[in-house]
């Protein structure tokens, strides 16, 4: 009769008990490690999603703040456009010293209360008729501004000038009017807004720990907080 002792296991054997215990320990370690990896992967994805969702909410809030600020400026420009002394100047070719003084006083009051506007100007028939503010623009800046207005058909746009003279970049918001639809504007009023002051006014209230950059549709940097390298900015804009 054939001996089958080869297939029998002696559970009382001490060596076998150690090997069995060691196998259980290894199996438990592997199971716990696998479970930990699954939980870590799930938590990592959950955390990434939560951070992403929070970032989107924060960016939307920042976008809302920026848009509200620009809407505020456009509302002020609209109200100024209807102000009697300004409207008289816009529709008249005559020079009236008293009316010009009233306009200067009105514009200075609005500019001083804001703190971000370098200057405001009355535009009429291809010329800046009157400039009021703490900064007087260079002839080059005035010409660039007029050239843009002569080509503009939408006063909802934001115009941007990088000024090399005083190192202050400016945004320009308009309230313009044309006598002929589709033609260059004949009259209007504009704000020259200091980019750095506007950035500090808006974004410093939002979050001092992160960098923010706002671009227009042409890729011009409207406002910013934090310092990014040019190549990184190009990559951000490219995306």
Protein backbone atom coordinates (compact mmCIF):
# COMPACT_ATOMS: atom_id res chain seq x y z
CA UNK A 1 0.00 0.00 0.00
CA UNK A 2 1.29 3.44 -1.00
CA UNK A 3 2.43 5.76 1.77
CA UNK A 4 0.61 9.18 1.67
CA UNK A 5 2.49 10.78 4.57
CA UNK A 6 3.94 13.29 2.09
CA UNK A 7 0.57 15.06 1.86
CA UNK A 8 -0.06 15.09 5.60
CA UNK A 9 0.65 18.21 7.64
CA UNK A 10 1.64 18.04 11.23
CA UNK A 11 -0.13 21.03 12.79
CA UNK A 12 1.66 20.38 16.03
CA UNK A 13 4.99 20.97 14.32
CA UNK A 14 6.53 24.15 15.75
CA UNK A 15 8.16 25.13 12.47
CA UNK A 16 4.87 24.91 10.64
CA UNK A 17 3.12 27.05 13.28
CA UNK A 18 5.73 29.80 12.87
CA UNK A 19 5.39 29.69 9.10
CA UNK A 20 1.59 29.81 9.34
CA UNK A 21 1.70 32.76 11.73
CA UNK A 22 4.21 34.56 9.51
CA UNK A 23 1.95 33.97 6.48
CA UNK A 24 -1.03 35.43 8.35
CA UNK A 25 1.03 38.47 9.38
CA UNK A 26 2.22 39.07 5.80
CA UNK A 27 -1.31 38.63 4.50
CA UNK A 28 -2.64 41.10 7.06
CA UNK A 29 0.08 43.63 6.24
CA UNK A 30 -0.65 43.33 2.52
CA UNK A 31 -4.39 43.68 3.12
CA UNK A 32 -3.96 46.71 5.35
CA UNK A 33 -1.51 48.28 2.88
CA UNK A 34 -3.90 47.70 -0.01
CA UNK A 35 -6.79 49.12 2.00
CA UNK A 36 -4.69 52.12 2.99
CA UNK A 37 -3.69 52.77 -0.63
CA UNK A 38 -7.33 52.63 -1.71
CA UNK A 39 -8.40 55.01 1.06
CA UNK A 40 -5.46 57.35 0.38
CA UNK A 41 -6.22 57.42 -3.35
CA UNK A 42 -9.89 58.15 -2.67
CA UNK A 43 -9.08 60.84 -0.11
CA UNK A 44 -6.51 62.41 -2.44
CA UNK A 45 -9.05 62.62 -5.28
CA UNK A 46 -11.69 63.93 -2.89
CA UNK A 47 -9.30 66.55 -1.54
CA UNK A 48 -8.26 67.60 -5.03
CA UNK A 49 -11.89 67.98 -6.06
CA UNK A 50 -12.71 70.00 -2.94
CA UNK A 51 -9.70 72.28 -3.47
CA UNK A 52 -10.60 72.67 -7.14
CA UNK A 53 -14.22 73.51 -6.32
CA UNK A 54 -13.11 76.02 -3.68
CA UNK A 55 -10.68 77.58 -6.16
CA UNK A 56 -13.40 77.92 -8.79
CA UNK A 57 -15.69 79.59 -6.27
CA UNK A 58 -12.89 81.93 -5.24
CA UNK A 59 -12.05 82.78 -8.86
CA UNK A 60 -15.72 83.41 -9.64
CA UNK A 61 -15.95 85.70 -6.63
CA UNK A 62 -12.84 87.58 -7.76
CA UNK A 63 -14.22 87.82 -11.30
CA UNK A 64 -17.46 89.20 -9.87
CA UNK A 65 -15.58 91.82 -7.85
CA UNK A 66 -13.63 92.94 -10.92
CA UNK A 67 -16.73 93.10 -13.12
CA UNK A 68 -18.66 94.99 -10.44
CA UNK A 69 -15.87 97.54 -10.21
CA UNK A 70 -15.89 98.13 -13.98
CA UNK A 71 -19.70 98.33 -13.97
CA UNK A 72 -19.42 100.94 -11.23
CA UNK A 73 -17.04 103.03 -13.35
CA UNK A 74 -19.36 102.76 -16.36
CA UNK A 75 -22.29 103.90 -14.22
CA UNK A 76 -20.31 106.91 -13.00
CA UNK A 77 -19.36 107.75 -16.59
CA UNK A 78 -22.99 107.51 -17.67
CA UNK A 79 -24.05 109.84 -14.86
CA UNK A 80 -21.27 112.27 -15.76
CA UNK A 81 -22.35 112.22 -19.38
CA UNK A 82 -25.77 113.47 -18.28
CA UNK A 83 -24.39 116.15 -15.95
CA UNK A 84 -25.52 119.56 -17.34
CA UNK A 85 -22.14 121.31 -17.45
CA UNK A 86 -20.44 118.30 -19.10
CA UNK A 87 -23.27 117.79 -21.57
CA UNK A 88 -23.11 121.47 -22.52
CA UNK A 89 -19.39 121.13 -23.22
CA UNK A 90 -19.86 117.93 -25.21
CA UNK A 91 -22.39 119.48 -27.58
CA UNK A 92 -20.82 122.92 -27.90
CA UNK A 93 -17.78 124.06 -29.84
CA UNK A 94 -17.53 127.27 -27.84
CA UNK A 95 -15.12 127.80 -24.96
CA UNK A 96 -16.87 128.80 -21.74
CA UNK A 97 -14.41 129.43 -18.86
CA UNK A 98 -17.08 129.22 -16.16
CA UNK A 99 -18.47 125.97 -17.54
CA UNK A 100 -14.94 124.53 -17.87
CA UNK A 101 -14.30 125.41 -14.23
CA UNK A 102 -17.53 123.68 -13.17
CA UNK A 103 -16.47 120.57 -15.12
CA UNK A 104 -13.02 120.57 -13.47
CA UNK A 105 -14.58 120.81 -10.03
CA UNK A 106 -17.06 118.01 -10.77
CA UNK A 107 -14.42 115.68 -12.23
CA UNK A 108 -11.90 116.37 -9.46
CA UNK A 109 -14.51 115.49 -6.86
CA UNK A 110 -15.21 112.14 -8.55
CA UNK A 111 -11.51 111.39 -9.03
CA UNK A 112 -10.50 112.25 -5.47
CA UNK A 113 -13.23 110.06 -4.01
CA UNK A 114 -12.12 107.07 -6.09
CA UNK A 115 -8.35 107.05 -5.62
CA UNK A 116 -7.59 104.83 -8.64
CA UNK A 117 -8.28 107.27 -11.49
CA UNK A 118 -5.22 109.22 -12.66
CA UNK A 119 -7.21 111.56 -14.86
CA UNK A 120 -10.46 112.04 -16.72
CA UNK A 121 -10.94 113.73 -20.07
CA UNK A 122 -13.66 115.24 -22.23
CA UNK A 123 -13.41 114.01 -25.82
CA UNK A 124 -14.86 115.85 -28.80
CA UNK A 125 -14.34 115.42 -32.54
CA UNK A 126 -10.96 113.70 -32.44
CA UNK A 127 -9.47 115.79 -29.64
CA UNK A 128 -9.18 115.70 -25.87
CA UNK A 129 -11.01 118.92 -25.05
CA UNK A 130 -10.32 118.99 -21.32
CA UNK A 131 -8.10 116.86 -19.05
CA UNK A 132 -8.58 116.84 -15.28
CA UNK A 133 -6.67 114.80 -12.71
CA UNK A 134 -3.54 114.31 -10.64
CA UNK A 135 -1.59 113.20 -13.74
CA UNK A 136 -1.29 114.96 -17.08
CA UNK A 137 -0.72 112.45 -19.90
CA UNK A 138 2.16 112.82 -22.31
CA UNK A 139 1.51 113.91 -25.89
CA UNK A 140 2.27 110.35 -27.02
CA UNK A 141 -0.31 108.89 -24.64
CA UNK A 142 -2.92 111.43 -25.72
CA UNK A 143 -2.31 110.62 -29.38
CA UNK A 144 -2.51 106.87 -28.76
CA UNK A 145 -5.74 107.40 -26.87
CA UNK A 146 -7.30 109.54 -29.63
CA UNK A 147 -6.19 107.06 -32.30
CA UNK A 148 -7.93 104.27 -30.43
CA UNK A 149 -11.14 106.27 -30.03
CA UNK A 150 -11.21 107.10 -33.73
CA UNK A 151 -11.17 103.35 -34.48
CA UNK A 152 -13.54 102.32 -31.69
CA UNK A 153 -17.16 101.39 -32.21
CA UNK A 154 -17.92 99.99 -28.77
CA UNK A 155 -17.51 101.90 -25.53
CA UNK A 156 -17.89 98.66 -23.57
CA UNK A 157 -14.29 97.79 -24.44
CA UNK A 158 -11.40 98.36 -22.06
CA UNK A 159 -8.46 100.10 -23.66
CA UNK A 160 -4.96 99.59 -22.27
CA UNK A 161 -1.85 101.77 -22.54
CA UNK A 162 1.58 100.77 -21.26
CA UNK A 163 3.23 104.03 -20.30
CA UNK A 164 7.04 104.10 -20.47
CA UNK A 165 7.38 107.64 -19.18
CA UNK A 166 6.17 107.25 -15.60
CA UNK A 167 5.99 103.41 -15.45
CA UNK A 168 2.27 103.53 -14.67
CA UNK A 169 0.11 101.37 -16.89
CA UNK A 170 -3.42 102.63 -17.36
CA UNK A 171 -6.80 101.23 -18.31
CA UNK A 172 -9.29 103.41 -20.13
CA UNK A 173 -13.05 103.19 -19.79
CA UNK A 174 -15.33 105.30 -22.00
CA UNK A 175 -18.80 106.66 -22.40
CA UNK A 176 -18.92 107.73 -26.02
CA UNK A 177 -21.56 108.85 -28.48
CA UNK A 178 -21.61 108.91 -32.26
CA UNK A 179 -23.99 110.86 -34.51
CA UNK A 180 -23.83 108.14 -37.16
CA UNK A 181 -24.22 104.44 -36.34
CA UNK A 182 -21.03 102.47 -36.97
CA UNK A 183 -18.84 105.53 -37.18
CA UNK A 184 -16.16 106.81 -34.80
CA UNK A 185 -17.52 108.62 -31.72
CA UNK A 186 -17.89 112.42 -31.86
CA UNK A 187 -18.03 113.10 -28.13
CA UNK A 188 -17.68 111.44 -24.77
CA UNK A 189 -15.94 111.20 -21.43
CA UNK A 190 -13.27 108.76 -20.26
CA UNK A 191 -11.42 107.55 -17.18
CA UNK A 192 -7.69 106.76 -17.13
CA UNK A 193 -7.42 104.21 -14.31
CA UNK A 194 -4.09 103.42 -12.69
CA UNK A 195 -3.59 99.68 -13.07
CA UNK A 196 -1.47 99.21 -9.96
CA UNK A 197 -3.82 101.20 -7.73
CA UNK A 198 -6.84 99.32 -9.06
CA UNK A 199 -5.12 95.96 -8.49
CA UNK A 200 -4.26 96.86 -4.91
CA UNK A 201 -7.77 98.18 -4.29
CA UNK A 202 -9.54 95.08 -5.60
CA UNK A 203 -7.27 92.10 -5.06
CA UNK A 204 -5.69 92.97 -1.73
CA UNK A 205 -9.19 92.67 -0.28
CA UNK A 206 -9.66 89.29 -1.92
CA UNK A 207 -6.71 87.11 -0.94
CA UNK A 208 -3.17 88.13 -0.04
CA UNK A 209 -1.81 84.58 -0.23
CA UNK A 210 -2.39 83.91 -3.92
CA UNK A 211 -1.47 85.48 -7.23
CA UNK A 212 -4.20 86.72 -9.55
CA UNK A 213 -3.95 87.90 -13.15
CA UNK A 214 -6.83 89.28 -15.18
CA UNK A 215 -6.48 89.57 -18.96
CA UNK A 216 -8.66 91.16 -21.59
CA UNK A 217 -9.62 89.38 -24.81
CA UNK A 218 -6.53 90.73 -26.57
CA UNK A 219 -4.21 89.29 -23.94
CA UNK A 220 -3.44 92.56 -22.17
CA UNK A 221 -2.91 92.26 -18.45
CA UNK A 222 -5.69 94.27 -16.81
CA UNK A 223 -4.96 93.83 -13.11
CA UNK A 224 -2.65 91.59 -11.14
CA UNK A 225 -1.54 90.53 -7.71
CA UNK A 226 1.77 88.76 -7.18
CA UNK A 227 4.78 88.50 -9.46
CA UNK A 228 4.92 85.80 -12.12
CA UNK A 229 7.67 85.36 -14.67
CA UNK A 230 6.86 86.40 -18.23
CA UNK A 231 7.15 82.86 -19.60
CA UNK A 232 4.65 81.62 -17.01
CA UNK A 233 2.26 84.43 -17.87
CA UNK A 234 2.52 83.49 -21.54
CA UNK A 235 1.72 79.88 -20.67
CA UNK A 236 -1.27 80.92 -18.54
CA UNK A 237 -2.59 83.13 -21.31
CA UNK A 238 -1.94 80.43 -23.91
CA UNK A 239 -4.15 78.04 -21.95
